[in-house]
Amino acid sequence: MFNLLCDAILPNWVVNSFPIIKFILLILIVLASIALIVIVLCQESEEGGSNAITGIKESYYAQNKGANKEGRLRRATIILSIFIAVTVIIFFILTEIYPNSIWS
């Protein structure tokens, strides 16, 4: 039913471009996922809870993590995760509007 409604409202060129847009979104999702995997593997693991047990306060270096490599990697991880989530939502909305295969 939603498909019939979209065919009546949307111009023909928009409906014809859905498979191309879906293919581009799929490529973007794959590339962003690979980049996210590489970024996560480049991050150093945090030792959770050791400071709470020993009572050691954070150093000046640890307080300014946003300005160094770890902070940039953490920020890139968050941005890429949000980008992937939004792109996947858009992809599935387009799949609902135009359910044909992305290859046809």
Protein backbone atom coordinates (compact mmCIF):
# COMPACT_ATOMS: atom_id res chain seq x y z
CA MET A 1 0.00 0.00 0.00
CA PHE A 2 2.84 2.38 0.86
CA ASN A 3 4.38 1.52 -2.49
CA LEU A 4 1.28 2.59 -4.38
CA LEU A 5 1.13 5.84 -2.43
CA CYS A 6 4.75 6.65 -3.26
CA ASP A 7 4.25 5.86 -6.94
CA ALA A 8 1.38 8.34 -7.05
CA ILE A 9 3.22 11.11 -5.16
CA LEU A 10 6.83 10.81 -6.31
CA PRO A 11 7.92 11.76 -9.82
CA ASN A 12 9.03 8.95 -12.11
CA TRP A 13 12.70 10.04 -12.16
CA VAL A 14 12.86 9.82 -8.38
CA VAL A 15 11.42 6.31 -8.32
CA ASN A 16 13.83 5.24 -11.09
CA SER A 17 16.83 6.59 -9.15
CA PHE A 18 16.06 4.62 -5.95
CA PRO A 19 18.11 1.55 -6.95
CA ILE A 20 21.13 3.74 -7.73
CA ILE A 21 20.79 5.64 -4.45
CA LYS A 22 20.44 2.37 -2.53
CA PHE A 23 23.57 0.99 -4.19
CA ILE A 24 25.56 4.13 -3.31
CA LEU A 25 24.31 3.98 0.28
CA LEU A 26 25.32 0.32 0.50
CA ILE A 27 28.84 1.15 -0.72
CA LEU A 28 29.07 4.01 1.83
CA ILE A 29 27.98 1.66 4.63
CA VAL A 30 30.62 -0.92 3.69
CA LEU A 31 33.42 1.67 3.44
CA ALA A 32 32.45 3.35 6.72
CA SER A 33 32.25 -0.04 8.44
CA ILE A 34 35.75 -0.96 7.27
CA ALA A 35 37.05 2.44 8.42
CA LEU A 36 35.35 1.97 11.80
CA ILE A 37 36.97 -1.46 12.24
CA VAL A 38 40.41 -0.03 11.46
CA ILE A 39 39.91 2.91 13.84
CA VAL A 40 38.77 0.66 16.68
CA LEU A 41 41.76 -1.62 16.15
CA CYS A 42 44.11 1.40 16.30
CA GLN A 43 42.79 2.50 19.69
CA GLU A 44 44.61 1.52 22.81
CA SER A 45 42.64 -0.42 25.37
CA GLU A 46 41.74 1.38 28.55
CA GLU A 47 42.48 -0.18 31.88
CA GLY A 48 39.08 0.06 33.48
CA GLY A 49 38.76 0.53 37.16
CA SER A 50 42.43 0.53 38.17
CA ASN A 51 42.34 4.21 39.06
CA ALA A 52 39.26 3.71 41.21
CA ILE A 53 40.97 0.95 43.18
CA THR A 54 44.33 2.68 43.66
CA GLY A 55 42.90 6.17 44.15
CA ILE A 56 45.31 7.76 41.68
CA LYS A 57 43.95 10.97 40.19
CA GLU A 58 44.15 11.56 36.49
CA SER A 59 47.19 13.39 35.22
CA TYR A 60 47.11 16.53 33.10
CA TYR A 61 47.76 14.37 30.05
CA ALA A 62 44.80 12.14 30.82
CA GLN A 63 42.50 15.12 31.34
CA ASN A 64 43.29 16.54 27.89
CA LYS A 65 42.79 13.37 25.88
CA GLY A 66 40.63 15.17 23.30
CA ALA A 67 43.65 16.98 21.89
CA ASN A 68 45.81 13.93 21.25
CA LYS A 69 45.61 10.83 19.07
CA GLU A 70 43.36 8.83 21.41
CA GLY A 71 40.85 11.67 21.61
CA ARG A 72 40.73 12.05 17.85
CA LEU A 73 40.30 8.30 17.39
CA ARG A 74 37.49 8.24 19.95
CA ARG A 75 35.76 11.19 18.24
CA ALA A 76 36.15 9.53 14.82
CA THR A 77 34.65 6.32 16.23
CA ILE A 78 31.58 8.18 17.47
CA ILE A 79 31.13 10.13 14.22
CA LEU A 80 31.50 7.02 12.05
CA SER A 81 29.10 5.06 14.24
CA ILE A 82 26.45 7.76 13.94
CA PHE A 83 27.05 8.01 10.18
CA ILE A 84 26.61 4.25 9.76
CA ALA A 85 23.42 4.25 11.86
CA VAL A 86 21.85 7.12 9.89
CA THR A 87 22.89 5.64 6.54
CA VAL A 88 21.44 2.23 7.43
CA ILE A 89 18.15 3.85 8.49
CA ILE A 90 17.96 5.77 5.21
CA PHE A 91 18.81 2.60 3.28
CA PHE A 92 15.99 0.63 4.90
CA ILE A 93 13.52 3.48 4.41
CA LEU A 94 14.36 3.45 0.71
CA THR A 95 14.02 -0.33 0.71
CA GLU A 96 10.54 0.04 2.16
CA ILE A 97 9.60 2.64 -0.46
CA TYR A 98 11.10 0.70 -3.37
CA PRO A 99 11.30 -2.98 -2.40
CA ASN A 100 12.81 -4.25 -5.66
CA SER A 101 16.33 -5.59 -5.65
CA ILE A 102 19.16 -3.07 -5.54
CA TRP A 103 20.72 -4.77 -8.55
CA SER A 104 17.77 -4.36 -10.91
